[in-house]
Amino acid sequence: MGPNEGCSVHYSGTVAGAREGALLGIPSIAVSLDTFAKPDYSTAAAFVRKLAQKILTDKKFPKGSFLNVNVPNKPASKIKGVKFLHQGRISIHGSFKQYKDPHEIDYYWMTGEPPAIEPGDSSDIWALRHNYITVTPIHTDSTDYKLLERIRHWKIK
């Protein structure tokens, strides 16, 4: 549970599952609900059913790409719409609390508040906080090609 917007896509098992599907050539969608308690999946399920139909009938959906979807935990009547946006860059900067599981093994839970949104932000983070369903296309190739061209000829001995 919980959203996978902004930089959290790098830590998400949900997004990793969709990425793996894309690596295998399967059109994939990571779907996350913006809540950590009392989820209502009805809005997300209805939207994703329609989105999946679009992807499955799109003969040009690119190999190696997948969609990251975040849905507000609200009834459909409270959703303002759907936004196709870029991934935000901010992430939660919290702390970790240590707990013990029933077998006395330590585990850690990240806590913290979402950071403030910058003025003029047009990312998935902004839209989700304003009750929009967000769809962000992600590619499995994370290479920074501009930087690669810049450093390609470095001589390091």
N, C-alpha and C. Protein backbone atom coordinates (compact mmCIF):
# COMPACT_ATOMS: atom_id res chain seq x y z
N MET A 1 0.84 -1.19 0.00
CA MET A 1 0.00 0.00 0.00
C MET A 1 0.88 1.24 0.00
N GLY A 2 0.28 2.31 -0.39
CA GLY A 2 0.96 3.59 -0.44
C GLY A 2 1.33 3.96 -1.86
N PRO A 3 1.52 5.26 -2.08
CA PRO A 3 1.82 5.72 -3.43
C PRO A 3 3.24 5.38 -3.85
N ASN A 4 3.47 5.36 -5.13
CA ASN A 4 4.80 5.19 -5.70
C ASN A 4 5.03 6.28 -6.73
N GLU A 5 5.06 7.52 -6.22
CA GLU A 5 5.29 8.66 -7.07
C GLU A 5 6.67 9.22 -6.79
N GLY A 6 7.13 10.08 -7.70
CA GLY A 6 8.44 10.70 -7.50
C GLY A 6 9.54 9.67 -7.40
N CYS A 7 10.51 9.95 -6.56
CA CYS A 7 11.68 9.08 -6.42
C CYS A 7 11.37 7.75 -5.76
N SER A 8 10.20 7.60 -5.18
CA SER A 8 9.87 6.33 -4.53
C SER A 8 9.80 5.18 -5.53
N VAL A 9 9.70 5.47 -6.83
CA VAL A 9 9.68 4.39 -7.82
C VAL A 9 10.96 3.57 -7.77
N HIS A 10 12.04 4.14 -7.25
CA HIS A 10 13.32 3.42 -7.19
C HIS A 10 13.36 2.39 -6.07
N TYR A 11 12.44 2.47 -5.12
CA TYR A 11 12.44 1.58 -3.96
C TYR A 11 11.23 0.65 -3.94
N SER A 12 10.39 0.72 -4.93
CA SER A 12 9.09 0.06 -4.90
C SER A 12 9.12 -1.35 -5.47
N GLY A 13 8.60 -2.28 -4.71
CA GLY A 13 8.41 -3.64 -5.22
C GLY A 13 7.34 -3.69 -6.29
N THR A 14 6.32 -2.86 -6.15
CA THR A 14 5.25 -2.79 -7.16
C THR A 14 5.82 -2.37 -8.51
N VAL A 15 6.62 -1.31 -8.49
CA VAL A 15 7.23 -0.82 -9.72
C VAL A 15 8.24 -1.83 -10.25
N ALA A 16 8.97 -2.49 -9.36
CA ALA A 16 9.94 -3.52 -9.79
C ALA A 16 9.23 -4.66 -10.52
N GLY A 17 8.05 -5.03 -10.06
CA GLY A 17 7.29 -6.09 -10.73
C GLY A 17 6.90 -5.70 -12.14
N ALA A 18 6.45 -4.46 -12.32
CA ALA A 18 6.10 -3.98 -13.66
C ALA A 18 7.34 -3.86 -14.53
N ARG A 19 8.44 -3.42 -13.93
CA ARG A 19 9.70 -3.31 -14.68
C ARG A 19 10.13 -4.69 -15.18
N GLU A 20 10.02 -5.69 -14.34
CA GLU A 20 10.38 -7.06 -14.73
C GLU A 20 9.50 -7.53 -15.89
N GLY A 21 8.21 -7.24 -15.82
CA GLY A 21 7.33 -7.58 -16.93
C GLY A 21 7.79 -6.93 -18.22
N ALA A 22 8.13 -5.64 -18.15
CA ALA A 22 8.60 -4.92 -19.34
C ALA A 22 9.89 -5.52 -19.87
N LEU A 23 10.79 -5.92 -18.96
CA LEU A 23 12.04 -6.56 -19.40
C LEU A 23 11.77 -7.86 -20.14
N LEU A 24 10.68 -8.52 -19.79
CA LEU A 24 10.30 -9.78 -20.44
C LEU A 24 9.44 -9.56 -21.69
N GLY A 25 9.21 -8.29 -22.04
CA GLY A 25 8.43 -7.98 -23.22
C GLY A 25 6.93 -7.98 -23.00
N ILE A 26 6.51 -7.95 -21.75
CA ILE A 26 5.09 -7.96 -21.42
C ILE A 26 4.64 -6.53 -21.13
N PRO A 27 3.61 -6.03 -21.81
CA PRO A 27 3.10 -4.69 -21.47
C PRO A 27 2.66 -4.70 -19.99
N SER A 28 3.21 -3.78 -19.21
CA SER A 28 3.02 -3.85 -17.75
C SER A 28 2.60 -2.51 -17.16
N ILE A 29 1.89 -2.62 -16.04
CA ILE A 29 1.43 -1.45 -15.30
C ILE A 29 1.70 -1.68 -13.81
N ALA A 30 2.34 -0.70 -13.17
CA ALA A 30 2.46 -0.68 -11.71
C ALA A 30 1.31 0.20 -11.21
N VAL A 31 0.50 -0.32 -10.31
CA VAL A 31 -0.65 0.43 -9.80
C VAL A 31 -0.53 0.57 -8.29
N SER A 32 -0.61 1.81 -7.81
CA SER A 32 -0.50 2.07 -6.38
C SER A 32 -1.65 2.96 -5.93
N LEU A 33 -2.13 2.69 -4.73
CA LEU A 33 -3.21 3.45 -4.13
C LEU A 33 -2.62 4.38 -3.08
N ASP A 34 -3.01 5.63 -3.09
CA ASP A 34 -2.44 6.65 -2.21
C ASP A 34 -3.03 6.57 -0.81
N THR A 35 -2.71 5.49 -0.12
CA THR A 35 -3.14 5.35 1.27
C THR A 35 -2.30 4.28 1.94
N PHE A 36 -2.20 4.38 3.25
CA PHE A 36 -1.57 3.33 4.05
C PHE A 36 -2.58 2.68 4.98
N ALA A 37 -3.83 3.12 4.91
CA ALA A 37 -4.87 2.57 5.78
C ALA A 37 -6.22 2.64 5.08
N LYS A 38 -7.07 1.67 5.34
CA LYS A 38 -8.44 1.62 4.82
C LYS A 38 -8.52 1.83 3.30
N PRO A 39 -7.88 0.97 2.53
CA PRO A 39 -7.92 1.14 1.08
C PRO A 39 -9.28 0.81 0.48
N ASP A 40 -9.65 1.58 -0.54
CA ASP A 40 -10.83 1.29 -1.35
C ASP A 40 -10.32 1.17 -2.79
N TYR A 41 -10.26 -0.05 -3.28
CA TYR A 41 -9.66 -0.31 -4.59
C TYR A 41 -10.63 -0.11 -5.76
N SER A 42 -11.87 0.24 -5.51
CA SER A 42 -12.86 0.27 -6.59
C SER A 42 -12.52 1.29 -7.68
N THR A 43 -12.10 2.48 -7.31
CA THR A 43 -11.75 3.49 -8.31
C THR A 43 -10.54 3.05 -9.12
N ALA A 44 -9.52 2.55 -8.42
CA ALA A 44 -8.31 2.09 -9.11
C ALA A 44 -8.62 0.93 -10.04
N ALA A 45 -9.41 -0.01 -9.59
CA ALA A 45 -9.73 -1.19 -10.41
C ALA A 45 -10.47 -0.79 -11.68
N ALA A 46 -11.44 0.11 -11.56
CA ALA A 46 -12.20 0.54 -12.74
C ALA A 46 -11.31 1.26 -13.74
N PHE A 47 -10.43 2.13 -13.25
CA PHE A 47 -9.54 2.86 -14.15
C PHE A 47 -8.53 1.93 -14.80
N VAL A 48 -7.90 1.07 -14.03
CA VAL A 48 -6.85 0.21 -14.57
C VAL A 48 -7.41 -0.79 -15.57
N ARG A 49 -8.62 -1.21 -15.39
CA ARG A 49 -9.25 -2.11 -16.37
C ARG A 49 -9.28 -1.42 -17.74
N LYS A 50 -9.69 -0.16 -17.77
CA LYS A 50 -9.74 0.60 -19.03
C LYS A 50 -8.34 0.84 -19.60
N LEU A 51 -7.41 1.18 -18.71
CA LEU A 51 -6.03 1.43 -19.15
C LEU A 51 -5.39 0.16 -19.72
N ALA A 52 -5.62 -0.96 -19.08
CA ALA A 52 -5.06 -2.23 -19.56
C ALA A 52 -5.61 -2.56 -20.95
N GLN A 53 -6.88 -2.29 -21.18
CA GLN A 53 -7.46 -2.53 -22.50
C GLN A 53 -6.77 -1.67 -23.56
N LYS A 54 -6.46 -0.42 -23.21
CA LYS A 54 -5.74 0.46 -24.14
C LYS A 54 -4.36 -0.10 -24.47
N ILE A 55 -3.64 -0.51 -23.44
CA ILE A 55 -2.28 -1.02 -23.65
C ILE A 55 -2.31 -2.29 -24.49
N LEU A 56 -3.22 -3.18 -24.19
CA LEU A 56 -3.26 -4.46 -24.89
C LEU A 56 -3.67 -4.32 -26.36
N THR A 57 -4.37 -3.25 -26.70
CA THR A 57 -4.76 -3.04 -28.10
C THR A 57 -3.82 -2.08 -28.83
N ASP A 58 -2.86 -1.51 -28.11
CA ASP A 58 -1.89 -0.59 -28.72
C ASP A 58 -0.74 -1.40 -29.30
N LYS A 59 -0.75 -1.60 -30.58
CA LYS A 59 0.28 -2.42 -31.24
C LYS A 59 1.65 -1.76 -31.23
N LYS A 60 1.70 -0.47 -30.89
CA LYS A 60 2.97 0.25 -30.89
C LYS A 60 3.48 0.56 -29.48
N PHE A 61 2.88 -0.08 -28.46
CA PHE A 61 3.38 0.16 -27.10
C PHE A 61 4.84 -0.30 -27.06
N PRO A 62 5.75 0.60 -26.69
CA PRO A 62 7.17 0.29 -26.83
C PRO A 62 7.68 -0.81 -25.89
N LYS A 63 8.51 -1.66 -26.44
CA LYS A 63 9.17 -2.70 -25.64
C LYS A 63 10.08 -1.99 -24.64
N GLY A 64 10.17 -2.53 -23.46
CA GLY A 64 11.03 -1.95 -22.43
C GLY A 64 10.40 -0.80 -21.68
N SER A 65 9.16 -0.47 -21.99
CA SER A 65 8.46 0.60 -21.28
C SER A 65 7.30 0.02 -20.49
N PHE A 66 6.93 0.70 -19.43
CA PHE A 66 5.75 0.33 -18.65
C PHE A 66 5.16 1.59 -18.05
N LEU A 67 3.98 1.46 -17.47
CA LEU A 67 3.29 2.62 -16.90
C LEU A 67 3.25 2.51 -15.38
N ASN A 68 3.52 3.62 -14.73
CA ASN A 68 3.39 3.72 -13.28
C ASN A 68 2.15 4.56 -13.00
N VAL A 69 1.17 3.96 -12.33
CA VAL A 69 -0.11 4.60 -12.07
C VAL A 69 -0.29 4.78 -10.56
N ASN A 70 -0.70 5.98 -10.16
CA ASN A 70 -1.05 6.26 -8.78
C ASN A 70 -2.49 6.76 -8.74
N VAL A 71 -3.26 6.22 -7.82
CA VAL A 71 -4.68 6.55 -7.74
C VAL A 71 -5.00 7.07 -6.34
N PRO A 72 -5.64 8.24 -6.23
CA PRO A 72 -6.07 8.71 -4.91
C PRO A 72 -7.05 7.71 -4.30
N ASN A 73 -7.02 7.57 -3.01
CA ASN A 73 -7.93 6.66 -2.30
C ASN A 73 -9.25 7.40 -2.05
N LYS A 74 -9.95 7.67 -3.14
CA LYS A 74 -11.19 8.44 -3.10
C LYS A 74 -12.22 7.77 -3.99
N PRO A 75 -13.50 8.04 -3.76
CA PRO A 75 -14.51 7.56 -4.71
C PRO A 75 -14.30 8.23 -6.07
N ALA A 76 -14.73 7.58 -7.12
CA ALA A 76 -14.55 8.12 -8.48
C ALA A 76 -15.11 9.53 -8.60
N SER A 77 -16.18 9.84 -7.89
CA SER A 77 -16.79 11.17 -7.97
C SER A 77 -15.88 12.28 -7.44
N LYS A 78 -14.88 11.93 -6.64
CA LYS A 78 -13.96 12.91 -6.06
C LYS A 78 -12.67 13.05 -6.87
N ILE A 79 -12.49 12.20 -7.88
CA ILE A 79 -11.29 12.26 -8.71
C ILE A 79 -11.47 13.37 -9.75
N LYS A 80 -10.46 14.25 -9.87
CA LYS A 80 -10.56 15.39 -10.78
C LYS A 80 -10.29 15.01 -12.23
N GLY A 81 -9.65 13.89 -12.46
CA GLY A 81 -9.33 13.47 -13.82
C GLY A 81 -8.07 12.64 -13.84
N VAL A 82 -7.53 12.46 -15.04
CA VAL A 82 -6.31 11.67 -15.25
C VAL A 82 -5.27 12.59 -15.84
N LYS A 83 -4.05 12.52 -15.32
CA LYS A 83 -2.94 13.32 -15.85
C LYS A 83 -1.82 12.37 -16.26
N PHE A 84 -1.30 12.57 -17.46
CA PHE A 84 -0.14 11.85 -17.96
C PHE A 84 1.05 12.78 -17.75
N LEU A 85 1.93 12.41 -16.82
CA LEU A 85 2.95 13.34 -16.33
C LEU A 85 4.31 12.68 -16.18
N HIS A 86 5.31 13.55 -15.98
CA HIS A 86 6.65 13.05 -15.68
C HIS A 86 6.75 12.72 -14.19
N GLN A 87 7.75 11.95 -13.87
CA GLN A 87 8.03 11.55 -12.49
C GLN A 87 8.59 12.75 -11.73
N GLY A 88 8.08 12.99 -10.54
CA GLY A 88 8.62 14.04 -9.70
C GLY A 88 9.99 13.67 -9.18
N ARG A 89 10.70 14.64 -8.63
CA ARG A 89 12.06 14.39 -8.16
C ARG A 89 12.20 14.42 -6.65
N ILE A 90 11.18 14.83 -5.95
CA ILE A 90 11.31 14.89 -4.50
C ILE A 90 10.93 13.55 -3.89
N SER A 91 11.48 13.28 -2.74
CA SER A 91 11.15 12.06 -2.03
C SER A 91 11.06 12.36 -0.54
N ILE A 92 10.51 11.43 0.19
CA ILE A 92 10.39 11.60 1.64
C ILE A 92 11.78 11.52 2.26
N HIS A 93 12.10 12.48 3.08
CA HIS A 93 13.36 12.46 3.81
C HIS A 93 13.00 12.26 5.27
N GLY A 94 12.85 11.02 5.65
CA GLY A 94 12.42 10.71 6.99
C GLY A 94 13.51 10.03 7.78
N SER A 95 13.08 9.37 8.79
CA SER A 95 14.01 8.60 9.61
C SER A 95 13.48 7.17 9.67
N PHE A 96 14.28 6.30 10.23
CA PHE A 96 13.90 4.90 10.33
C PHE A 96 13.70 4.54 11.79
N LYS A 97 12.60 3.85 12.06
CA LYS A 97 12.34 3.35 13.41
C LYS A 97 12.60 1.85 13.42
N GLN A 98 13.23 1.40 14.47
CA GLN A 98 13.56 -0.01 14.60
C GLN A 98 12.48 -0.72 15.42
N TYR A 99 12.07 -1.88 14.92
CA TYR A 99 11.08 -2.70 15.60
C TYR A 99 11.58 -4.14 15.62
N LYS A 100 10.88 -4.98 16.38
CA LYS A 100 11.16 -6.42 16.40
C LYS A 100 9.94 -7.15 15.87
N ASP A 101 10.20 -8.13 15.02
CA ASP A 101 9.09 -8.96 14.54
C ASP A 101 8.79 -10.04 15.58
N PRO A 102 7.78 -10.87 15.38
CA PRO A 102 7.43 -11.90 16.37
C PRO A 102 8.55 -12.89 16.67
N HIS A 103 9.56 -12.96 15.79
CA HIS A 103 10.69 -13.87 16.00
C HIS A 103 11.90 -13.13 16.57
N GLU A 104 11.67 -11.91 17.05
CA GLU A 104 12.71 -11.08 17.65
C GLU A 104 13.78 -10.65 16.65
N ILE A 105 13.44 -10.60 15.40
CA ILE A 105 14.36 -10.12 14.37
C ILE A 105 14.05 -8.65 14.10
N ASP A 106 15.11 -7.85 14.06
CA ASP A 106 14.94 -6.42 13.83
C ASP A 106 14.43 -6.16 12.42
N TYR A 107 13.56 -5.16 12.31
CA TYR A 107 13.19 -4.61 11.01
C TYR A 107 13.02 -3.11 11.19
N TYR A 108 13.04 -2.39 10.09
CA TYR A 108 13.02 -0.94 10.14
C TYR A 108 11.87 -0.42 9.29
N TRP A 109 11.22 0.62 9.79
CA TRP A 109 10.10 1.23 9.10
C TRP A 109 10.44 2.71 8.89
N MET A 110 10.36 3.16 7.64
CA MET A 110 10.67 4.55 7.36
C MET A 110 9.47 5.42 7.73
N THR A 111 9.75 6.50 8.41
CA THR A 111 8.71 7.45 8.78
C THR A 111 9.11 8.82 8.25
N GLY A 112 8.17 9.68 8.15
CA GLY A 112 8.46 11.03 7.70
C GLY A 112 7.28 11.60 6.95
N GLU A 113 7.32 12.87 6.75
CA GLU A 113 6.25 13.57 6.05
C GLU A 113 6.69 13.85 4.62
N PRO A 114 5.74 13.83 3.71
CA PRO A 114 6.10 14.21 2.33
C PRO A 114 6.58 15.65 2.31
N PRO A 115 7.63 15.93 1.54
CA PRO A 115 8.13 17.30 1.47
C PRO A 115 7.15 18.22 0.74
N ALA A 116 7.34 19.49 0.94
CA ALA A 116 6.49 20.47 0.27
C ALA A 116 6.73 20.42 -1.24
N ILE A 117 5.69 20.71 -1.99
CA ILE A 117 5.80 20.74 -3.45
C ILE A 117 6.27 22.13 -3.86
N GLU A 118 7.21 22.16 -4.79
CA GLU A 118 7.74 23.42 -5.29
C GLU A 118 6.67 24.15 -6.11
N PRO A 119 6.63 25.47 -6.06
CA PRO A 119 5.71 26.21 -6.92
C PRO A 119 5.98 25.90 -8.39
N GLY A 120 4.94 25.74 -9.16
CA GLY A 120 5.09 25.43 -10.58
C GLY A 120 5.32 23.97 -10.88
N ASP A 121 5.30 23.12 -9.86
CA ASP A 121 5.51 21.69 -10.07
C ASP A 121 4.39 21.13 -10.95
N SER A 122 4.75 20.32 -11.90
CA SER A 122 3.76 19.69 -12.78
C SER A 122 4.00 18.19 -12.85
N SER A 123 4.43 17.63 -11.74
CA SER A 123 4.81 16.21 -11.70
C SER A 123 3.67 15.33 -11.20
N ASP A 124 3.96 14.04 -11.17
CA ASP A 124 3.01 13.08 -10.62
C ASP A 124 2.70 13.37 -9.16
N ILE A 125 3.66 13.88 -8.43
CA ILE A 125 3.48 14.17 -7.00
C ILE A 125 2.41 15.25 -6.83
N TRP A 126 2.57 16.36 -7.56
CA TRP A 126 1.60 17.45 -7.48
C TRP A 126 0.20 16.96 -7.83
N ALA A 127 0.08 16.24 -8.94
CA ALA A 127 -1.24 15.82 -9.42
C ALA A 127 -1.91 14.86 -8.44
N LEU A 128 -1.16 13.93 -7.89
CA LEU A 128 -1.74 12.98 -6.94
C LEU A 128 -2.25 13.71 -5.70
N ARG A 129 -1.49 14.67 -5.21
CA ARG A 129 -1.92 15.44 -4.04
C ARG A 129 -3.14 16.31 -4.33
N HIS A 130 -3.41 16.56 -5.60
CA HIS A 130 -4.58 17.35 -6.00
C HIS A 130 -5.70 16.48 -6.56
N ASN A 131 -5.70 15.21 -6.18
CA ASN A 131 -6.78 14.25 -6.50
C ASN A 131 -6.92 13.90 -7.97
N TYR A 132 -5.79 13.82 -8.66
CA TYR A 132 -5.77 13.30 -10.03
C TYR A 132 -5.17 11.90 -10.02
N ILE A 133 -5.66 11.04 -10.89
CA ILE A 133 -4.97 9.79 -11.17
C ILE A 133 -3.77 10.15 -12.02
N THR A 134 -2.60 9.60 -11.70
CA THR A 134 -1.40 9.92 -12.46
C THR A 134 -0.92 8.69 -13.23
N VAL A 135 -0.45 8.94 -14.44
CA VAL A 135 0.13 7.90 -15.28
C VAL A 135 1.48 8.42 -15.76
N THR A 136 2.54 7.71 -15.40
CA THR A 136 3.89 8.10 -15.80
C THR A 136 4.54 6.96 -16.56
N PRO A 137 4.93 7.19 -17.82
CA PRO A 137 5.65 6.15 -18.55
C PRO A 137 7.09 6.07 -18.05
N ILE A 138 7.54 4.85 -17.85
CA ILE A 138 8.91 4.60 -17.38
C ILE A 138 9.56 3.61 -18.33
N HIS A 139 10.85 3.80 -18.55
CA HIS A 139 11.59 2.89 -19.42
C HIS A 139 12.58 2.09 -18.57
N THR A 140 12.83 0.87 -18.98
CA THR A 140 13.74 0.01 -18.22
C THR A 140 15.19 0.43 -18.37
N ASP A 141 15.52 1.19 -19.39
CA ASP A 141 16.89 1.66 -19.59
C ASP A 141 17.07 2.96 -18.82
N SER A 142 17.83 2.91 -17.75
CA SER A 142 18.03 4.09 -16.90
C SER A 142 19.29 4.87 -17.28
N THR A 143 19.91 4.53 -18.39
CA THR A 143 21.15 5.19 -18.80
C THR A 143 20.94 6.69 -19.00
N ASP A 144 21.86 7.47 -18.48
CA ASP A 144 21.88 8.92 -18.74
C ASP A 144 22.74 9.12 -19.98
N TYR A 145 22.10 9.18 -21.14
CA TYR A 145 22.84 9.22 -22.40
C TYR A 145 23.62 10.52 -22.60
N LYS A 146 23.12 11.64 -22.09
CA LYS A 146 23.87 12.89 -22.20
C LYS A 146 25.17 12.80 -21.42
N LEU A 147 25.09 12.27 -20.20
CA LEU A 147 26.30 12.12 -19.40
C LEU A 147 27.23 11.08 -20.02
N LEU A 148 26.69 10.02 -20.54
CA LEU A 148 27.51 9.00 -21.18
C LEU A 148 28.34 9.61 -22.31
N GLU A 149 27.73 10.45 -23.13
CA GLU A 149 28.48 11.10 -24.21
C GLU A 149 29.57 12.01 -23.67
N ARG A 150 29.30 12.66 -22.56
CA ARG A 150 30.28 13.57 -21.97
C ARG A 150 31.48 12.83 -21.39
N ILE A 151 31.25 11.66 -20.79
CA ILE A 151 32.35 10.96 -20.10
C ILE A 151 32.96 9.83 -20.92
N ARG A 152 32.38 9.54 -22.06
CA ARG A 152 32.82 8.39 -22.86
C ARG A 152 34.33 8.41 -23.14
N HIS A 153 34.91 9.56 -23.30
CA HIS A 153 36.32 9.65 -23.69
C HIS A 153 37.25 9.99 -22.53
N TRP A 154 36.76 9.90 -21.31
CA TRP A 154 37.63 10.14 -20.16
C TRP A 154 38.76 9.12 -20.17
N LYS A 155 39.91 9.58 -19.82
CA LYS A 155 41.07 8.69 -19.69
C LYS A 155 41.35 8.52 -18.20
N ILE A 156 41.10 7.34 -17.71
CA ILE A 156 41.35 7.05 -16.29
C ILE A 156 42.27 5.85 -16.23
N LYS A 157 43.40 6.04 -15.57
CA LYS A 157 44.40 4.96 -15.50
C LYS A 157 44.56 4.49 -14.08
